[in-house]
Amino acid sequence: MRVLPAPAALGVVVLGGVASAAQGVVNAELGQRAGDPVLGAVVNNLGGCLLVLVGLAVVPSMRAGLATLRRAGLPWWSYLGGLGGAAIVMIGTYVVPVLGVAVFTIAQVTGGSLGGLAVDRVGLSPVGRLPLTAPRVAGGLLGIAAVALAQLGRPVGDLAVGLLLLAVAGGLAVALQSALNGRVSAAGTTAASIAVNFAVSTPPIFVVAALVGAFAAGPRWPGQWWLYLGGLLGVGIVLALLVGVRAAGVLRTGLALVAGQLGGALVLDLVLPGGAGARWPVLAGAALTAVAVLVAGVSRRTPVRVAAEPEPEPDGRLVG
């Protein structure tokens, strides 16, 4: 896949953020009805893996991309991006009930902004090293402020420091996931990177589900088909992140994803039965996050030094 211009790529990421908001609703509802929150994550990744297997069977470019990766010689740790996705899913499952959605979201975005600045600075993403400039730092801080604004009025749980730091670590993990998946995509193909992501992220989720006894009581699977769309949405989200990271780096991609998540959450609150309706803090937060994406993209231009024009002598001759 060719690299899109940054504005177009970030637009794709915003759509991925909308899909992420819908995925969160679907997975949470499925987990609640099935009897354990982890089951939503299990079905999500299982659905993504099934889509990847179908792709391997019918899309020759995906198989070719995996073959290219085998010859690429990437270090082994480059393929571990999917662990970041698995980490944030597991962390959110157990931290949100204690901290509340508001505090968890702010902590996660804080970690994601710090992680985005760091991985861009060291050149971990495929766009190479991006300097730690004042606009980029300001964009990250604006993103955190925007999410804090959007969460006004949401319930706050117990502010356990350990869980708060764990949520920040989850945001860092997502930033690493975006960067590493981007490296894999640049070395192979986007489709191959998606396949690697789900292959790496799914086993840990199944292990955690087994350890907490999610399958022991016999899940009660609901009949509504739309509750099983998490995997499809997940593939779309990973694809959007890959498009964004290759064009704009991790920080701006993460901020664009948050903008889409807030916008998608606002729409879902309006259209879903029993939704919260229009919440102006969410709308303001989404708008401020869009500003953060723009601010983080401002680049410092080195002034061009222009030689002084020669001054004329009294007789009209030029000197200098």
Protein backbone atom coordinates (compact mmCIF):
# COMPACT_ATOMS: atom_id res chain seq x y z
CA MET A 1 0.00 0.00 0.00
CA ARG A 2 1.41 3.39 -0.97
CA VAL A 3 1.87 6.02 1.70
CA LEU A 4 -1.01 8.51 1.67
CA PRO A 5 -0.55 12.25 2.20
CA ALA A 6 -0.72 13.02 5.92
CA PRO A 7 -4.15 14.78 5.86
CA ALA A 8 -5.77 11.86 4.01
CA ALA A 9 -4.07 9.29 6.24
CA LEU A 10 -5.20 11.07 9.41
CA GLY A 11 -8.74 11.18 8.01
CA VAL A 12 -8.61 7.40 7.70
CA VAL A 13 -7.39 7.20 11.32
CA VAL A 14 -10.34 9.32 12.49
CA LEU A 15 -12.67 6.79 10.86
CA GLY A 16 -10.70 4.08 12.66
CA GLY A 17 -11.40 5.93 15.90
CA VAL A 18 -15.12 5.87 15.18
CA ALA A 19 -14.82 2.12 14.61
CA SER A 20 -12.94 1.84 17.91
CA ALA A 21 -15.80 3.53 19.78
CA ALA A 22 -18.27 1.10 18.20
CA GLN A 23 -15.98 -1.85 18.96
CA GLY A 24 -15.86 -0.90 22.64
CA VAL A 25 -19.67 -0.86 22.86
CA VAL A 26 -20.02 -4.17 21.01
CA ASN A 27 -17.36 -6.01 23.02
CA ALA A 28 -18.61 -4.70 26.37
CA GLU A 29 -22.19 -5.71 25.60
CA LEU A 30 -21.13 -9.15 24.38
CA GLY A 31 -18.98 -9.76 27.46
CA GLN A 32 -21.79 -8.71 29.77
CA ARG A 33 -24.35 -10.97 28.11
CA ALA A 34 -21.96 -13.91 27.78
CA GLY A 35 -21.11 -13.81 31.48
CA ASP A 36 -17.53 -12.46 31.64
CA PRO A 37 -15.98 -9.21 30.32
CA VAL A 38 -12.96 -11.07 28.91
CA LEU A 39 -15.20 -13.03 26.55
CA GLY A 40 -15.81 -9.89 24.52
CA ALA A 41 -12.06 -9.62 23.90
CA VAL A 42 -11.84 -13.33 23.08
CA VAL A 43 -14.56 -13.11 20.44
CA ASN A 44 -13.07 -9.88 19.10
CA ASN A 45 -9.66 -11.42 18.44
CA LEU A 46 -11.07 -14.73 17.29
CA GLY A 47 -13.15 -12.87 14.70
CA GLY A 48 -10.08 -10.94 13.57
CA CYS A 49 -8.08 -14.17 13.23
CA LEU A 50 -10.84 -15.78 11.15
CA LEU A 51 -10.84 -12.79 8.80
CA VAL A 52 -7.05 -13.06 8.50
CA LEU A 53 -7.31 -16.76 7.67
CA VAL A 54 -9.88 -16.02 4.98
CA GLY A 55 -7.55 -13.36 3.62
CA LEU A 56 -4.65 -15.80 3.52
CA ALA A 57 -6.82 -18.24 1.59
CA VAL A 58 -8.18 -15.84 -1.02
CA VAL A 59 -5.75 -12.89 -1.22
CA PRO A 60 -2.42 -13.85 -2.82
CA SER A 61 -0.84 -10.51 -1.83
CA MET A 62 -1.26 -11.36 1.86
CA ARG A 63 0.66 -14.62 1.41
CA ALA A 64 3.26 -12.81 -0.68
CA GLY A 65 3.60 -10.18 2.05
CA LEU A 66 4.33 -12.82 4.68
CA ALA A 67 6.93 -14.36 2.38
CA THR A 68 8.52 -10.94 1.96
CA LEU A 69 8.64 -10.54 5.75
CA ARG A 70 10.55 -13.81 6.09
CA ARG A 71 13.22 -12.35 3.83
CA ALA A 72 13.19 -8.88 5.40
CA GLY A 73 15.46 -9.73 8.32
CA LEU A 74 13.60 -7.63 10.88
CA PRO A 75 14.66 -8.19 14.51
CA TRP A 76 12.34 -10.54 16.38
CA TRP A 77 10.95 -7.83 18.63
CA SER A 78 9.53 -5.99 15.61
CA TYR A 79 6.77 -8.59 15.42
CA LEU A 80 5.50 -8.08 18.98
CA GLY A 81 3.25 -5.10 18.30
CA GLY A 82 0.13 -7.19 18.79
CA LEU A 83 1.03 -7.62 22.46
CA GLY A 84 0.27 -3.93 22.94
CA GLY A 85 -3.27 -4.43 21.68
CA ALA A 86 -3.76 -7.46 23.89
CA ALA A 87 -2.39 -5.53 26.87
CA ILE A 88 -4.79 -2.59 26.59
CA VAL A 89 -7.78 -4.90 26.16
CA MET A 90 -6.89 -6.87 29.28
CA ILE A 91 -5.97 -3.78 31.30
CA GLY A 92 -9.20 -2.02 30.39
CA THR A 93 -11.29 -5.05 31.33
CA TYR A 94 -10.08 -5.03 34.91
CA VAL A 95 -9.12 -1.40 35.52
CA VAL A 96 -12.25 0.38 34.27
CA PRO A 97 -14.55 -1.10 36.96
CA VAL A 98 -12.23 0.32 39.65
CA LEU A 99 -11.06 3.65 38.21
CA GLY A 100 -14.11 4.44 36.11
CA VAL A 101 -14.17 5.13 32.37
CA ALA A 102 -13.15 8.77 32.76
CA VAL A 103 -9.94 8.27 34.74
CA PHE A 104 -8.95 5.20 32.72
CA THR A 105 -9.38 7.04 29.42
CA ILE A 106 -7.37 10.06 30.57
CA ALA A 107 -4.58 7.82 31.90
CA GLN A 108 -4.52 5.78 28.69
CA VAL A 109 -4.30 8.85 26.47
CA THR A 110 -1.58 10.27 28.72
CA GLY A 111 0.44 7.10 28.21
CA GLY A 112 -0.28 7.12 24.50
CA SER A 113 0.85 10.74 24.10
CA LEU A 114 4.05 10.19 26.07
CA GLY A 115 4.68 6.95 24.18
CA GLY A 116 4.00 8.62 20.84
CA LEU A 117 6.49 11.38 21.56
CA ALA A 118 9.09 8.84 22.68
CA VAL A 119 8.82 6.33 19.83
CA ASP A 120 8.76 9.12 17.24
CA ARG A 121 11.84 10.66 18.84
CA VAL A 122 13.86 7.43 18.72
CA GLY A 123 12.68 6.62 15.18
CA LEU A 124 10.82 3.41 15.98
CA SER A 125 8.03 4.09 13.48
CA PRO A 126 8.55 3.85 9.72
CA VAL A 127 8.61 7.64 9.21
CA GLY A 128 11.96 7.78 11.02
CA ARG A 129 13.01 10.15 13.78
CA LEU A 130 10.74 13.10 14.52
CA PRO A 131 12.25 15.78 16.77
CA LEU A 132 10.83 16.62 20.19
CA THR A 133 9.64 20.09 19.22
CA ALA A 134 7.47 22.50 21.19
CA PRO A 135 4.47 22.05 18.81
CA ARG A 136 4.60 18.26 19.19
CA VAL A 137 4.78 18.47 22.99
CA ALA A 138 1.97 21.05 22.96
CA GLY A 139 -0.12 18.77 20.74
CA GLY A 140 0.33 15.86 23.15
CA LEU A 141 -0.65 18.02 26.13
CA LEU A 142 -3.67 19.38 24.25
CA GLY A 143 -4.75 15.81 23.51
CA ILE A 144 -4.65 14.94 27.21
CA ALA A 145 -6.58 18.11 28.09
CA ALA A 146 -9.16 17.35 25.40
CA VAL A 147 -9.86 13.89 26.77
CA ALA A 148 -10.06 15.25 30.32
CA LEU A 149 -12.62 17.79 29.09
CA ALA A 150 -14.62 15.12 27.29
CA GLN A 151 -14.85 13.02 30.46
CA LEU A 152 -16.43 15.75 32.60
CA GLY A 153 -19.41 14.35 34.45
CA ARG A 154 -18.40 10.71 34.01
CA PRO A 155 -18.22 8.59 37.17
CA VAL A 156 -14.86 8.34 38.90
CA GLY A 157 -13.91 5.23 40.85
CA ASP A 158 -11.23 4.67 43.47
CA LEU A 159 -8.01 6.43 42.48
CA ALA A 160 -5.70 3.49 43.10
CA VAL A 161 -2.21 4.62 42.13
CA GLY A 162 -1.08 1.18 40.96
CA LEU A 163 -4.04 0.77 38.60
CA LEU A 164 -3.64 4.35 37.40
CA LEU A 165 -0.03 3.65 36.41
CA LEU A 166 -1.15 0.40 34.79
CA ALA A 167 -3.59 2.36 32.61
CA VAL A 168 -0.78 4.76 31.63
CA ALA A 169 1.34 1.71 30.75
CA GLY A 170 -1.52 0.48 28.56
CA GLY A 171 -1.38 3.72 26.59
CA LEU A 172 2.38 3.30 26.16
CA ALA A 173 1.76 -0.26 24.93
CA VAL A 174 -0.64 1.00 22.26
CA ALA A 175 1.95 3.52 21.04
CA LEU A 176 4.51 0.72 20.75
CA GLN A 177 1.95 -1.44 18.94
CA SER A 178 1.40 1.27 16.33
CA ALA A 179 5.11 1.81 15.79
CA LEU A 180 6.07 -1.87 15.55
CA ASN A 181 3.15 -2.77 13.30
CA GLY A 182 4.15 0.14 11.08
CA ARG A 183 7.69 -1.25 10.77
CA VAL A 184 6.33 -4.65 9.80
CA SER A 185 4.01 -3.06 7.24
CA ALA A 186 6.86 -1.07 5.71
CA ALA A 187 9.04 -4.20 5.46
CA GLY A 188 6.28 -6.38 4.04
CA THR A 189 2.71 -5.39 3.26
CA THR A 190 -0.15 -3.89 5.23
CA ALA A 191 -2.12 -7.13 5.00
CA ALA A 192 0.83 -9.11 6.33
CA SER A 193 1.20 -6.70 9.26
CA ILE A 194 -2.48 -7.15 10.17
CA ALA A 195 -2.01 -10.93 10.08
CA VAL A 196 1.03 -10.71 12.37
CA ASN A 197 -0.82 -8.40 14.77
CA PHE A 198 -3.69 -10.82 15.33
CA ALA A 199 -1.43 -13.87 15.42
CA VAL A 200 0.56 -12.28 18.25
CA SER A 201 -2.29 -10.69 20.21
CA THR A 202 -4.77 -13.57 20.29
CA PRO A 203 -2.91 -16.28 22.29
CA PRO A 204 -2.31 -14.04 25.35
CA ILE A 205 -5.99 -13.12 25.48
CA PHE A 206 -7.02 -16.79 25.41
CA VAL A 207 -4.48 -17.58 28.14
CA VAL A 208 -5.80 -14.80 30.39
CA ALA A 209 -9.39 -15.87 29.75
CA ALA A 210 -8.53 -19.43 30.75
CA LEU A 211 -6.64 -18.31 33.86
CA VAL A 212 -9.55 -16.20 35.15
CA GLY A 213 -12.04 -19.01 34.47
CA ALA A 214 -14.01 -17.22 31.76
CA PHE A 215 -14.89 -20.53 30.08
CA ALA A 216 -15.54 -22.52 33.26
CA ALA A 217 -19.19 -21.60 33.82
CA GLY A 218 -20.22 -22.11 30.18
CA PRO A 219 -20.63 -18.81 28.33
CA ARG A 220 -24.19 -17.76 27.42
CA TRP A 221 -23.73 -16.60 23.83
CA PRO A 222 -26.39 -14.05 22.75
CA GLY A 223 -28.15 -14.32 19.42
CA GLN A 224 -27.73 -10.75 18.13
CA TRP A 225 -25.38 -10.91 15.12
CA TRP A 226 -24.03 -7.39 15.52
CA LEU A 227 -22.44 -8.29 18.86
CA TYR A 228 -19.92 -10.41 16.94
CA LEU A 229 -18.60 -7.61 14.71
CA GLY A 230 -15.73 -6.70 17.04
CA GLY A 231 -13.18 -8.64 14.99
CA LEU A 232 -14.19 -6.92 11.74
CA LEU A 233 -13.97 -3.54 13.45
CA GLY A 234 -10.62 -4.54 14.95
CA VAL A 235 -9.15 -5.30 11.53
CA GLY A 236 -10.34 -1.90 10.32
CA ILE A 237 -8.77 -0.17 13.33
CA VAL A 238 -5.38 -1.87 12.86
CA LEU A 239 -5.48 -0.98 9.15
CA ALA A 240 -6.26 2.67 9.95
CA LEU A 241 -3.39 2.86 12.43
CA LEU A 242 -0.98 1.40 9.88
CA VAL A 243 -2.05 3.98 7.30
CA GLY A 244 -1.63 6.81 9.80
CA VAL A 245 1.70 5.77 11.29
CA ARG A 246 3.38 5.40 7.91
CA ALA A 247 2.32 8.92 6.92
CA ALA A 248 2.31 10.99 10.12
CA GLY A 249 4.10 9.14 12.91
CA VAL A 250 2.75 7.66 16.13
CA LEU A 251 1.85 10.81 18.09
CA ARG A 252 -0.41 12.42 15.50
CA THR A 253 -1.92 9.05 14.60
CA GLY A 254 -2.81 8.42 18.24
CA LEU A 255 -4.35 11.87 18.60
CA ALA A 256 -6.39 11.42 15.42
CA LEU A 257 -7.63 8.07 16.72
CA VAL A 258 -8.78 9.73 19.96
CA ALA A 259 -10.60 12.42 17.99
CA GLY A 260 -12.47 9.71 16.09
CA GLN A 261 -13.22 7.81 19.30
CA LEU A 262 -14.75 10.89 20.92
CA GLY A 263 -16.74 11.73 17.81
CA GLY A 264 -17.93 8.14 17.51
CA ALA A 265 -18.87 8.05 21.19
CA LEU A 266 -20.95 11.20 20.73
CA VAL A 267 -22.80 9.68 17.77
CA LEU A 268 -23.42 6.42 19.65
CA ASP A 269 -24.76 8.34 22.66
CA LEU A 270 -27.23 9.99 20.32
CA VAL A 271 -28.45 6.98 18.35
CA LEU A 272 -28.33 4.05 20.79
CA PRO A 273 -31.39 3.34 22.95
CA GLY A 274 -30.68 4.52 26.46
CA GLY A 275 -27.70 6.55 25.29
CA ALA A 276 -26.56 9.64 27.17
CA GLY A 277 -27.64 11.95 24.35
CA ALA A 278 -25.70 15.00 23.26
CA ARG A 279 -22.88 15.73 25.70
CA TRP A 280 -21.20 19.05 25.00
CA PRO A 281 -17.98 18.11 26.85
CA VAL A 282 -17.50 15.20 24.41
CA LEU A 283 -18.08 17.45 21.40
CA ALA A 284 -15.67 20.05 22.78
CA GLY A 285 -13.11 17.34 23.55
CA ALA A 286 -13.32 15.97 20.01
CA ALA A 287 -12.83 19.45 18.55
CA LEU A 288 -9.88 20.17 20.86
CA THR A 289 -8.28 16.85 19.92
CA ALA A 290 -8.54 17.80 16.24
CA VAL A 291 -6.73 21.03 17.11
CA ALA A 292 -4.08 18.94 18.90
CA VAL A 293 -3.50 16.92 15.71
CA LEU A 294 -2.94 20.14 13.76
CA VAL A 295 -0.68 21.67 16.40
CA ALA A 296 1.46 18.53 16.64
CA GLY A 297 1.99 18.70 12.88
CA VAL A 298 3.43 22.21 12.91
CA SER A 299 7.07 22.09 11.86
CA ARG A 300 9.73 24.62 12.61
CA ARG A 301 11.24 26.09 9.51
CA THR A 302 14.84 27.21 9.59
CA PRO A 303 15.04 30.82 8.41
CA VAL A 304 16.73 31.20 5.06
CA ARG A 305 19.73 33.47 5.35
CA VAL A 306 19.73 35.98 2.48
CA ALA A 307 22.97 37.76 1.62
CA ALA A 308 22.82 41.52 2.03
CA GLU A 309 22.55 43.46 -1.20
CA PRO A 310 25.75 45.28 -2.15
CA GLU A 311 25.72 49.00 -1.42
CA PRO A 312 26.54 51.41 -4.25
CA GLU A 313 29.57 53.69 -4.08
CA PRO A 314 28.99 57.40 -4.57
CA ASP A 315 30.06 57.01 -8.18
CA GLY A 316 27.46 54.30 -8.79
CA ARG A 317 29.76 51.27 -8.61
CA LEU A 318 28.57 48.28 -6.52
CA VAL A 319 30.66 47.00 -3.64
CA GLY A 320 30.35 43.97 -1.38
